[in-house]
N, C-alpha and C. Protein backbone atom coordinates (compact mmCIF):
# COMPACT_ATOMS: atom_id res chain seq x y z
N MET A 1 115.35 113.07 85.89
CA MET A 1 113.88 112.98 87.07
C MET A 1 112.95 113.88 86.78
N ASN A 2 111.85 113.19 86.60
CA ASN A 2 110.32 114.32 86.17
C ASN A 2 109.89 114.99 87.34
N SER A 3 108.79 115.49 87.30
CA SER A 3 108.70 116.18 88.70
C SER A 3 107.68 115.10 89.39
N MET A 4 106.96 114.41 90.04
CA MET A 4 106.32 113.79 90.58
C MET A 4 107.50 112.71 90.88
N GLU A 5 108.93 111.73 90.17
CA GLU A 5 109.97 111.75 90.62
C GLU A 5 110.53 112.77 91.87
N GLN A 6 110.55 113.80 90.93
CA GLN A 6 111.82 114.56 92.53
C GLN A 6 110.42 114.55 93.53
N ILE A 7 108.92 114.89 93.39
CA ILE A 7 108.56 115.30 94.96
C ILE A 7 108.52 113.63 95.41
N ARG A 8 108.64 112.56 95.04
CA ARG A 8 108.54 111.14 95.88
C ARG A 8 109.87 111.00 96.70
N ASP A 9 111.21 111.57 95.77
CA ASP A 9 112.18 111.51 96.26
C ASP A 9 112.04 113.17 97.67
N LYS A 10 111.84 113.75 98.15
CA LYS A 10 111.48 114.40 98.67
C LYS A 10 110.85 113.73 100.16
N LEU A 11 109.70 113.10 99.34
CA LEU A 11 108.34 112.16 100.36
C LEU A 11 109.38 111.59 101.17
N LYS A 12 110.46 110.21 100.15
CA LYS A 12 111.11 108.77 100.87
C LYS A 12 110.56 108.89 102.03
N TYR A 13 111.25 110.44 102.53
CA TYR A 13 112.49 110.56 103.90
C TYR A 13 111.43 111.20 105.48
N LYS A 14 110.46 111.32 104.77
CA LYS A 14 109.23 112.04 106.06
C LYS A 14 108.22 110.51 105.88
N THR A 15 107.58 110.86 108.22
CA THR A 15 106.91 110.28 108.67
C THR A 15 105.88 111.09 109.21
N VAL A 16 104.73 110.31 108.49
CA VAL A 16 103.85 111.17 109.36
C VAL A 16 102.76 110.11 109.84
N GLY A 17 102.65 110.34 110.78
CA GLY A 17 101.83 109.81 112.37
C GLY A 17 100.22 110.66 112.22
N ILE A 18 98.94 108.84 111.82
CA ILE A 18 97.76 109.85 111.79
C ILE A 18 97.40 109.03 112.91
N ALA A 19 96.54 110.06 113.89
CA ALA A 19 95.65 109.07 114.60
C ALA A 19 94.38 108.99 114.28
N GLY A 20 94.07 108.12 114.45
CA GLY A 20 92.56 107.65 114.14
C GLY A 20 91.98 106.69 112.40
N ALA A 21 91.81 105.51 112.85
CA ALA A 21 90.92 104.64 110.96
C ALA A 21 89.73 105.11 110.49
N GLY A 22 89.39 106.63 111.08
CA GLY A 22 87.96 106.93 110.76
C GLY A 22 88.30 107.09 108.57
N GLY A 23 86.69 107.56 108.57
CA GLY A 23 87.14 107.98 107.64
C GLY A 23 87.59 109.09 107.93
N LEU A 24 88.20 110.89 107.61
CA LEU A 24 89.96 111.01 107.77
C LEU A 24 90.90 110.45 107.26
N GLY A 25 91.35 109.20 108.75
CA GLY A 25 92.04 108.60 108.64
C GLY A 25 92.90 108.24 107.75
N SER A 26 91.42 107.06 107.47
CA SER A 26 91.92 106.21 106.40
C SER A 26 91.62 106.50 105.01
N ASN A 27 91.26 107.65 104.83
CA ASN A 27 91.30 107.72 103.51
C ASN A 27 92.18 108.86 103.13
N CYS A 28 92.96 109.52 104.74
CA CYS A 28 94.03 110.61 104.45
C CYS A 28 95.24 109.60 103.98
N ALA A 29 95.17 108.50 104.79
CA ALA A 29 96.34 107.67 104.48
C ALA A 29 96.73 107.38 102.89
N GLN A 30 95.33 106.80 102.22
CA GLN A 30 95.36 106.62 100.80
C GLN A 30 96.73 106.86 99.40
N ALA A 31 96.16 108.85 100.46
CA ALA A 31 96.01 109.74 99.84
C ALA A 31 97.27 110.40 100.14
N LEU A 32 98.31 110.18 100.67
CA LEU A 32 99.38 110.09 101.01
C LEU A 32 100.71 109.13 100.38
N VAL A 33 100.61 108.12 100.67
CA VAL A 33 100.99 106.34 100.01
C VAL A 33 100.74 106.52 99.26
N ARG A 34 99.50 106.68 97.88
CA ARG A 34 99.65 107.55 96.75
C ARG A 34 100.23 108.44 96.21
N VAL A 35 101.45 109.58 96.89
CA VAL A 35 102.47 110.01 96.52
C VAL A 35 103.48 109.89 96.98
N GLY A 36 103.33 109.03 97.81
CA GLY A 36 105.05 108.52 98.58
C GLY A 36 105.75 108.39 99.89
N VAL A 37 104.97 109.67 100.12
CA VAL A 37 104.69 108.94 101.42
C VAL A 37 106.02 107.61 102.48
N GLY A 38 107.14 108.38 102.46
CA GLY A 38 108.01 106.95 102.97
C GLY A 38 107.63 106.61 103.94
N HIS A 39 106.87 106.43 105.85
CA HIS A 39 106.65 105.77 106.53
C HIS A 39 105.15 106.73 106.54
N ILE A 40 104.60 105.69 106.67
CA ILE A 40 103.00 106.04 107.66
C ILE A 40 102.89 105.21 108.84
N ILE A 41 102.18 106.62 110.30
CA ILE A 41 102.34 105.17 110.62
C ILE A 41 101.03 105.53 111.68
N ILE A 42 99.72 104.72 112.08
CA ILE A 42 98.86 105.42 112.03
C ILE A 42 97.83 103.75 113.49
N ALA A 43 97.69 104.70 113.98
CA ALA A 43 96.65 103.84 115.34
C ALA A 43 95.59 104.38 115.04
N ASP A 44 95.17 103.00 115.98
CA ASP A 44 93.57 102.55 116.41
C ASP A 44 93.14 101.84 116.55
N PHE A 45 92.08 101.64 118.15
CA PHE A 45 91.48 100.29 118.12
C PHE A 45 90.33 99.89 117.13
N ASP A 46 89.31 99.95 116.99
CA ASP A 46 88.80 100.13 116.59
C ASP A 46 88.32 98.82 115.92
N VAL A 47 87.70 98.57 115.33
CA VAL A 47 87.27 97.22 114.19
C VAL A 47 86.37 97.58 112.89
N VAL A 48 86.23 97.01 111.47
CA VAL A 48 85.57 97.77 110.72
C VAL A 48 84.35 96.42 110.56
N GLU A 49 82.81 98.15 110.61
CA GLU A 49 81.59 97.46 110.25
C GLU A 49 81.06 97.82 109.53
N VAL A 50 80.75 97.70 108.98
CA VAL A 50 79.43 97.63 107.81
C VAL A 50 79.41 99.25 107.66
N SER A 51 78.72 99.35 108.68
CA SER A 51 78.35 101.52 108.88
C SER A 51 79.64 102.28 108.68
N ASN A 52 80.95 100.79 109.03
CA ASN A 52 81.72 102.29 107.76
C ASN A 52 82.08 102.66 106.31
N LEU A 53 80.94 101.74 105.83
CA LEU A 53 81.77 101.53 104.94
C LEU A 53 81.59 102.71 103.46
N ASN A 54 80.79 103.50 104.32
CA ASN A 54 79.92 104.43 103.35
C ASN A 54 80.81 106.09 103.18
N ARG A 55 81.39 105.20 103.92
CA ARG A 55 82.81 106.82 103.71
C ARG A 55 83.99 106.42 104.15
N GLN A 56 84.48 105.31 104.44
CA GLN A 56 86.03 105.17 104.89
C GLN A 56 86.05 103.56 103.97
N PHE A 57 88.13 103.99 104.34
CA PHE A 57 88.73 102.88 102.75
C PHE A 57 88.83 101.66 103.44
N TYR A 58 87.05 100.85 103.27
CA TYR A 58 87.70 99.62 103.53
C TYR A 58 86.55 98.50 102.93
N PHE A 59 86.31 97.19 102.76
CA PHE A 59 85.47 96.31 102.22
C PHE A 59 84.61 95.34 102.88
N TYR A 60 83.89 95.11 102.04
CA TYR A 60 83.02 94.15 102.87
C TYR A 60 83.94 92.82 103.78
N ASN A 61 85.17 92.82 103.25
CA ASN A 61 85.03 91.20 103.35
C ASN A 61 85.65 91.28 104.48
N GLN A 62 86.21 92.86 105.04
CA GLN A 62 87.68 93.72 106.15
C GLN A 62 86.20 93.68 107.76
N ILE A 63 85.10 93.47 107.08
CA ILE A 63 84.49 93.87 108.29
C ILE A 63 84.71 92.49 109.56
N GLY A 64 85.10 93.49 110.79
CA GLY A 64 85.96 92.60 111.75
C GLY A 64 86.75 92.26 112.17
N THR A 65 87.94 92.79 111.18
CA THR A 65 88.71 93.25 111.29
C THR A 65 89.55 94.49 111.72
N PRO A 66 90.27 94.69 112.95
CA PRO A 66 91.13 95.51 113.52
C PRO A 66 91.12 96.61 111.80
N LYS A 67 90.63 97.77 112.51
CA LYS A 67 91.11 98.86 111.29
C LYS A 67 92.58 99.27 110.25
N VAL A 68 93.51 99.38 112.11
CA VAL A 68 94.60 98.96 110.95
C VAL A 68 95.32 98.14 110.02
N ILE A 69 94.93 97.21 110.77
CA ILE A 69 95.36 96.08 109.95
C ILE A 69 94.75 95.11 108.49
N ALA A 70 93.02 96.33 108.45
CA ALA A 70 92.46 96.57 107.20
C ALA A 70 93.27 97.74 106.02
N LEU A 71 93.71 98.37 107.05
CA LEU A 71 93.88 100.04 106.27
C LEU A 71 95.20 99.16 106.29
N LYS A 72 95.60 98.80 106.91
CA LYS A 72 97.46 98.92 106.39
C LYS A 72 97.42 97.83 104.49
N GLU A 73 96.83 96.56 105.13
CA GLU A 73 96.36 95.80 103.84
C GLU A 73 96.36 96.73 102.28
N ASN A 74 95.26 97.17 102.01
CA ASN A 74 94.37 97.76 101.69
C ASN A 74 95.62 98.71 101.21
N LEU A 75 96.74 99.20 101.57
CA LEU A 75 97.34 100.44 101.35
C LEU A 75 98.44 99.66 100.31
N LEU A 76 99.29 98.69 101.59
CA LEU A 76 100.17 98.35 100.03
C LEU A 76 99.63 97.60 99.23
N ARG A 77 98.16 96.77 98.41
CA ARG A 77 97.86 97.28 97.57
C ARG A 77 97.64 97.94 96.93
N ILE A 78 97.72 99.40 97.05
CA ILE A 78 97.80 100.55 96.12
C ILE A 78 100.06 100.99 95.58
N ASP A 79 100.70 99.95 97.12
CA ASP A 79 102.09 100.41 97.02
C ASP A 79 103.49 99.26 97.76
N PRO A 80 103.34 98.05 97.30
CA PRO A 80 103.61 96.63 97.80
C PRO A 80 105.30 97.31 98.71
N LYS A 81 105.46 98.99 98.40
CA LYS A 81 107.18 99.14 99.22
C LYS A 81 106.41 100.16 100.15
N ALA A 82 105.40 100.29 100.66
CA ALA A 82 105.27 101.22 101.20
C ALA A 82 105.30 100.92 102.56
N SER A 83 105.81 102.14 103.87
CA SER A 83 106.28 101.35 104.71
C SER A 83 105.42 101.76 105.76
N VAL A 84 104.33 101.37 106.35
CA VAL A 84 103.58 101.37 106.62
C VAL A 84 102.95 100.83 108.23
N SER A 85 103.08 101.24 109.36
CA SER A 85 103.13 100.64 110.62
C SER A 85 101.66 101.03 111.58
N SER A 86 101.56 99.55 112.00
CA SER A 86 100.29 99.36 112.21
C SER A 86 100.01 100.10 113.47
N ILE A 87 99.06 100.28 114.68
CA ILE A 87 99.11 100.14 115.68
C ILE A 87 97.70 100.18 116.77
N HIS A 88 96.86 98.81 116.62
CA HIS A 88 96.00 98.59 117.44
C HIS A 88 96.45 99.08 118.96
N THR A 89 95.64 100.28 119.33
CA THR A 89 95.75 100.70 120.39
C THR A 89 94.92 102.42 120.48
N LYS A 90 94.04 102.10 122.03
CA LYS A 90 94.14 103.74 121.86
C LYS A 90 94.57 104.85 122.55
N LEU A 91 95.05 105.64 121.86
CA LEU A 91 95.65 106.42 121.75
C LEU A 91 95.88 106.96 123.39
N SER A 92 96.92 107.39 124.52
CA SER A 92 96.99 108.17 124.85
C SER A 92 97.47 109.50 125.44
N PRO A 93 97.66 110.27 126.90
CA PRO A 93 98.83 111.38 126.42
C PRO A 93 100.71 110.43 126.29
N ASP A 94 100.57 109.61 127.79
CA ASP A 94 102.02 109.08 127.33
C ASP A 94 102.26 107.80 126.52
N ASN A 95 101.29 107.04 125.42
CA ASN A 95 101.43 106.32 124.70
C ASN A 95 101.12 106.94 123.03
N LEU A 96 100.38 108.34 122.38
CA LEU A 96 101.15 109.04 122.10
C LEU A 96 102.12 109.74 122.02
N ILE A 97 102.83 110.27 122.55
CA ILE A 97 104.24 110.65 122.59
C ILE A 97 104.91 109.67 121.83
N ARG A 98 105.19 108.42 122.75
CA ARG A 98 105.91 107.38 121.92
C ARG A 98 105.48 107.12 120.69
N TYR A 99 104.08 106.36 120.08
CA TYR A 99 104.06 106.12 118.57
C TYR A 99 104.08 107.43 117.99
N PHE A 100 104.85 108.20 118.17
CA PHE A 100 105.00 110.21 117.91
C PHE A 100 104.88 111.16 118.21
N ALA A 101 106.05 110.40 118.05
CA ALA A 101 107.69 111.07 118.57
C ALA A 101 108.84 111.26 117.12
N CYS A 102 108.71 110.82 116.63
CA CYS A 102 109.65 110.57 115.83
C CYS A 102 108.68 110.90 114.33
N CYS A 103 107.82 111.49 114.73
CA CYS A 103 107.12 112.18 112.88
C CYS A 103 107.23 113.66 112.93
N ASP A 104 107.30 113.24 111.61
CA ASP A 104 107.68 115.29 110.89
C ASP A 104 106.13 115.27 110.75
N VAL A 105 104.22 115.33 110.51
CA VAL A 105 103.87 115.91 111.00
C VAL A 105 102.50 114.64 111.20
N VAL A 106 101.43 115.24 112.11
CA VAL A 106 100.70 114.56 112.81
C VAL A 106 99.57 114.60 111.56
N VAL A 107 98.17 114.19 111.61
CA VAL A 107 97.22 114.02 111.35
C VAL A 107 96.38 113.45 111.80
N GLU A 108 95.51 114.54 112.22
CA GLU A 108 94.00 114.00 113.88
C GLU A 108 92.63 113.94 113.36
N ALA A 109 92.87 112.25 113.83
CA ALA A 109 91.26 112.01 112.22
C ALA A 109 91.39 111.54 113.59
N PHE A 110 90.32 111.61 114.54
CA PHE A 110 89.32 110.92 115.05
C PHE A 110 87.65 111.68 115.21
N ASP A 111 87.08 111.10 115.50
CA ASP A 111 85.27 111.08 115.16
C ASP A 111 85.44 111.47 116.62
N LEU A 112 85.74 111.79 118.42
CA LEU A 112 85.51 112.87 119.42
C LEU A 112 85.97 113.86 119.59
N ALA A 113 84.88 114.79 120.35
CA ALA A 113 85.88 115.84 120.22
C ALA A 113 86.45 115.73 121.31
N VAL A 114 86.47 114.70 122.56
CA VAL A 114 87.27 114.88 123.49
C VAL A 114 88.77 113.67 123.28
N MET A 115 88.24 113.62 121.96
CA MET A 115 90.28 112.77 121.85
C MET A 115 90.42 113.49 120.40
N LYS A 116 90.36 114.87 120.41
CA LYS A 116 90.31 115.83 118.94
C LYS A 116 91.24 116.96 120.27
N GLN A 117 90.47 117.12 121.07
CA GLN A 117 91.44 118.17 122.64
C GLN A 117 92.64 117.02 122.84
N MET A 118 92.74 116.30 123.57
CA MET A 118 93.51 115.03 123.94
C MET A 118 94.99 115.70 122.78
N LEU A 119 94.68 114.64 121.55
CA LEU A 119 95.57 115.10 120.49
C LEU A 119 96.56 116.58 120.55
N ILE A 120 95.02 117.42 120.49
CA ILE A 120 95.81 118.67 120.29
C ILE A 120 96.92 119.22 121.26
N GLU A 121 95.82 118.83 123.27
CA GLU A 121 96.71 119.82 123.81
C GLU A 121 97.59 118.76 124.12
N THR A 122 98.06 117.40 123.94
CA THR A 122 99.17 117.00 124.04
C THR A 122 100.71 117.04 123.62
N MET A 123 100.00 117.19 122.38
CA MET A 123 101.15 117.69 120.60
C MET A 123 101.19 119.50 121.35
N ALA A 124 101.06 120.06 121.31
CA ALA A 124 101.33 121.08 122.31
C ALA A 124 102.26 121.91 123.15
N GLU A 125 101.59 120.23 124.10
CA GLU A 125 102.09 120.42 125.21
C GLU A 125 103.92 119.64 125.26
N GLN A 126 103.64 118.30 124.59
CA GLN A 126 104.80 117.60 124.32
C GLN A 126 105.62 117.90 123.29
N LEU A 127 104.89 117.67 122.12
CA LEU A 127 105.87 117.70 121.47
C LEU A 127 105.33 119.65 120.16
N PRO A 128 105.72 120.38 121.06
CA PRO A 128 105.14 121.53 120.42
C PRO A 128 105.95 121.87 118.69
N HIS A 129 107.13 120.71 118.54
CA HIS A 129 108.10 121.08 117.13
C HIS A 129 107.54 120.26 116.49
N ILE A 130 106.36 119.51 116.45
CA ILE A 130 105.63 119.23 115.07
C ILE A 130 104.43 119.97 115.10
N PRO A 131 104.30 119.46 114.06
CA PRO A 131 102.82 120.15 113.46
C PRO A 131 101.36 119.06 112.86
N VAL A 132 100.91 119.84 113.09
CA VAL A 132 99.32 118.82 113.65
C VAL A 132 98.17 119.36 112.72
N VAL A 133 97.33 118.62 112.55
CA VAL A 133 96.88 118.72 111.14
C VAL A 133 95.34 118.16 111.71
N CYS A 134 94.45 118.93 111.55
CA CYS A 134 93.00 117.85 111.77
C CYS A 134 91.96 118.80 111.08
N GLY A 135 90.97 118.22 111.49
CA GLY A 135 89.85 118.01 111.31
C GLY A 135 88.99 118.46 111.56
N LEU A 136 87.93 119.11 111.54
CA LEU A 136 86.79 119.36 112.29
C LEU A 136 85.65 120.06 111.12
N GLY A 137 84.74 119.96 111.80
CA GLY A 137 83.31 120.13 110.34
C GLY A 137 83.12 119.60 108.55
N MET A 138 82.49 118.50 108.76
CA MET A 138 82.40 117.87 107.54
C MET A 138 81.36 117.04 107.40
N ALA A 139 79.91 117.53 108.57
CA ALA A 139 79.24 115.70 108.81
C ALA A 139 78.24 116.61 107.73
N GLY A 140 76.58 116.10 107.06
CA GLY A 140 76.00 116.65 106.24
C GLY A 140 76.32 116.22 104.40
N TRP A 141 76.02 117.41 104.05
CA TRP A 141 76.36 117.25 103.07
C TRP A 141 75.67 118.93 102.56
N GLY A 142 76.23 119.38 101.10
CA GLY A 142 75.95 120.18 99.93
C GLY A 142 77.42 121.35 101.07
N ASN A 143 76.93 122.77 100.76
CA ASN A 143 78.13 124.12 101.47
C ASN A 143 79.28 123.95 101.62
N SER A 144 79.88 123.39 100.21
CA SER A 144 81.71 122.96 100.08
C SER A 144 82.00 124.43 100.09
N ASP A 145 81.51 125.01 99.88
CA ASP A 145 81.82 126.28 99.65
C ASP A 145 82.89 127.18 101.07
N LYS A 146 82.00 126.41 102.10
CA LYS A 146 82.43 126.49 103.76
C LYS A 146 83.45 125.91 104.82
N ILE A 147 84.39 124.53 103.31
CA ILE A 147 85.36 124.27 103.73
C ILE A 147 86.51 124.57 103.70
N ARG A 148 86.93 125.27 104.66
CA ARG A 148 87.78 125.64 104.20
C ARG A 148 89.19 125.13 104.94
N MET A 149 90.44 125.59 104.85
CA MET A 149 91.95 125.58 106.34
C MET A 149 91.88 126.80 106.77
N GLN A 150 92.73 126.63 107.81
CA GLN A 150 92.71 128.30 109.28
C GLN A 150 93.34 127.38 109.66
N LYS A 151 94.96 127.92 110.17
CA LYS A 151 96.51 127.70 110.48
C LYS A 151 96.54 129.05 111.52
N LEU A 152 97.12 127.51 112.66
CA LEU A 152 96.37 128.07 114.42
C LEU A 152 97.83 128.66 114.64
N GLY A 153 98.87 128.73 114.46
CA GLY A 153 100.62 128.82 115.15
C GLY A 153 100.89 127.38 114.64
N ASN A 154 101.21 125.78 115.04
CA ASN A 154 101.33 125.02 114.54
C ASN A 154 100.10 123.77 114.35
N LEU A 155 98.96 124.10 114.69
CA LEU A 155 97.80 123.46 113.80
C LEU A 155 96.83 124.11 113.45
N HIS A 156 97.26 123.16 112.33
CA HIS A 156 96.55 123.22 110.40
C HIS A 156 94.93 122.59 110.80
N ILE A 157 94.43 123.59 111.25
CA ILE A 157 92.20 122.63 110.79
C ILE A 157 91.61 123.03 110.12
N CYS A 158 91.36 122.35 108.88
CA CYS A 158 90.46 121.65 107.98
C CYS A 158 89.50 121.44 108.18
N GLY A 159 88.00 121.81 107.22
CA GLY A 159 87.07 121.55 107.62
C GLY A 159 85.88 122.56 107.41
N ASP A 160 84.60 122.76 108.11
CA ASP A 160 84.18 124.11 108.04
C ASP A 160 83.82 124.64 109.16
N GLN A 161 84.00 123.44 110.11
CA GLN A 161 84.65 124.33 111.74
C GLN A 161 83.34 124.97 112.49
N GLU A 162 81.95 124.06 111.87
CA GLU A 162 80.94 123.53 112.52
C GLU A 162 79.56 122.94 112.51
N SER A 163 79.70 121.81 111.36
CA SER A 163 79.05 120.77 111.22
C SER A 163 79.67 119.99 112.28
N GLU A 164 78.17 119.30 113.19
CA GLU A 164 78.76 118.34 113.56
C GLU A 164 77.69 116.99 113.75
N VAL A 165 78.87 116.26 113.33
CA VAL A 165 77.98 114.59 113.79
C VAL A 165 76.59 114.29 113.72
N SER A 166 75.92 114.38 113.50
CA SER A 166 74.14 113.85 114.40
C SER A 166 73.44 113.05 113.58
N GLU A 167 71.97 112.83 114.58
CA GLU A 167 71.28 111.75 113.40
C GLU A 167 70.53 112.48 112.16
N MET A 168 70.50 113.63 112.74
CA MET A 168 70.30 114.28 111.57
C MET A 168 71.22 115.19 110.00
N LEU A 169 72.74 114.90 110.84
CA LEU A 169 73.70 115.20 109.35
C LEU A 169 74.52 114.65 110.00
N PRO A 170 74.03 113.06 109.23
CA PRO A 170 75.69 112.58 109.46
C PRO A 170 76.91 112.48 108.80
N PRO A 171 77.52 111.67 108.78
CA PRO A 171 78.74 112.17 108.08
C PRO A 171 79.14 111.06 107.09
N LEU A 172 79.21 111.55 105.92
CA LEU A 172 79.18 111.34 104.45
C LEU A 172 80.03 111.42 103.53
N ALA A 173 80.04 110.13 102.55
CA ALA A 173 81.30 110.31 101.72
C ALA A 173 81.55 111.19 101.40
N PRO A 174 80.89 112.29 100.80
CA PRO A 174 81.53 113.22 100.02
C PRO A 174 82.92 114.78 100.71
N ARG A 175 81.91 115.45 101.62
CA ARG A 175 82.33 115.78 102.58
C ARG A 175 83.78 115.13 103.18
N VAL A 176 83.17 114.14 104.01
CA VAL A 176 84.19 113.16 104.64
C VAL A 176 85.60 113.04 103.17
N LEU A 177 85.32 113.00 101.71
CA LEU A 177 86.27 112.99 101.70
C LEU A 177 87.10 114.38 100.79
N MET A 178 86.34 114.55 100.98
CA MET A 178 87.15 116.29 100.96
C MET A 178 87.42 116.99 101.91
N VAL A 179 87.71 116.56 102.89
CA VAL A 179 88.64 116.38 104.35
C VAL A 179 89.25 116.20 104.73
N SER A 180 89.22 114.61 104.58
CA SER A 180 90.35 114.12 104.29
C SER A 180 91.14 114.72 103.47
N GLY A 181 90.78 114.75 101.65
CA GLY A 181 91.88 115.50 101.16
C GLY A 181 92.71 116.30 101.70
N MET A 182 91.82 117.43 101.96
CA MET A 182 92.19 118.63 102.35
C MET A 182 93.51 118.08 103.54
N GLU A 183 93.10 117.41 104.64
CA GLU A 183 94.20 117.25 105.24
C GLU A 183 95.86 116.88 104.39
N ALA A 184 95.20 115.79 103.99
CA ALA A 184 96.36 115.69 102.57
C ALA A 184 97.70 115.96 102.04
N ASN A 185 96.64 117.38 101.44
CA ASN A 185 96.75 118.51 101.18
C ASN A 185 97.38 118.56 101.54
N GLU A 186 97.53 119.44 102.73
CA GLU A 186 98.14 120.73 104.00
C GLU A 186 99.42 119.84 104.45
N VAL A 187 98.47 118.56 104.58
CA VAL A 187 100.39 117.45 104.94
C VAL A 187 101.48 117.55 103.81
N LEU A 188 101.23 117.28 102.89
CA LEU A 188 102.46 117.95 101.08
C LEU A 188 102.44 118.95 101.54
N ALA A 189 101.79 120.41 101.77
CA ALA A 189 102.20 121.88 101.95
C ALA A 189 103.47 122.20 103.56
N ILE A 190 103.64 121.01 104.31
CA ILE A 190 103.90 121.33 105.30
C ILE A 190 105.18 120.34 105.63
N LEU A 191 104.86 118.80 104.69
CA LEU A 191 106.50 118.71 103.92
C LEU A 191 107.35 118.88 103.04
N LEU A 192 106.72 119.60 102.03
CA LEU A 192 107.42 120.38 100.75
C LEU A 192 107.35 121.43 101.18
N ASN A 193 107.51 122.58 101.52
CA ASN A 193 107.19 123.88 102.08
C ASN A 193 108.55 123.90 101.67
N ASP A 194 109.90 123.74 101.77
CA ASP A 194 110.94 124.56 101.13
C ASP A 194 111.08 123.53 99.38
N PHE A 195 110.32 122.82 99.08
CA PHE A 195 110.87 121.86 98.59
C PHE A 195 110.65 123.61 96.51
N SER A 196 111.66 123.10 96.16
CA SER A 196 111.46 123.42 94.96
C SER A 196 111.83 122.14 93.06
N ILE A 197 111.16 122.45 92.24
CA ILE A 197 111.20 121.36 91.18
C ILE A 197 112.89 121.86 90.41
N GLU A 198 112.91 120.83 90.46
CA GLU A 198 115.02 121.07 88.99
C GLU A 198 114.35 121.21 88.05
N LEU A 199 114.08 122.26 87.00
CA LEU A 199 114.30 121.52 85.71
C LEU A 199 114.97 121.30 84.81
C-alpha cells in the first residue's frame, strides 16, 4: 500500500460537514472528495446563478439548479463512489445540530457575517468537541502573503481576516480558491492529526 492509499484508507471513515455551497464550500468540497474523505454533508438553500460561475464549482448548464444538487452531481463526476449528502435548506441553530452532530469536522462557508456568527456560536455551545474551520477575508486580489490560518481553541480561521466583500472589492476566483484550499488543507490536518505513513 503506497502513501496515498494509506491516506485514503484513513480518510474513508471520516465525515465532514460543509455549511454553504458557494465559492468556499463548493471548492472545499471538491478538494476533499479528491483526497478521499469518506462522507461529505453539504447544506445550502441557494441556487446556481450566472454570477456564481466566476469562482464557484458549477457550470453554465446548472444555472437555476439548487447548489447542493449541482454540487453533488459535480463531485460524483470526480469520484462516482463518493458519499455525498445534499441538504437543500437554510441552516439555523436547530437544524444545524441535527445535520452536523455526526461530523468529525465542520466547514463554515457562508457569505453573510450573521450566518458565520450563528454557526460558530451554535457549534461552540452545542457541539464544542467538533472542530470548525471557517473562512474570513478573501475579497479582491493580490496580498497573497496576508492569507493565513489562525487557531483559536477548536476554531480554525482561514483568510486574511480583513478584506470584506464590497462593490469595489468583489470575491474573485484566485483568492477564494486560495482560502477554500486552505480550509480543505486544515480539515486534513485535523483528520490526519495522529496519522503516520507506514513505510
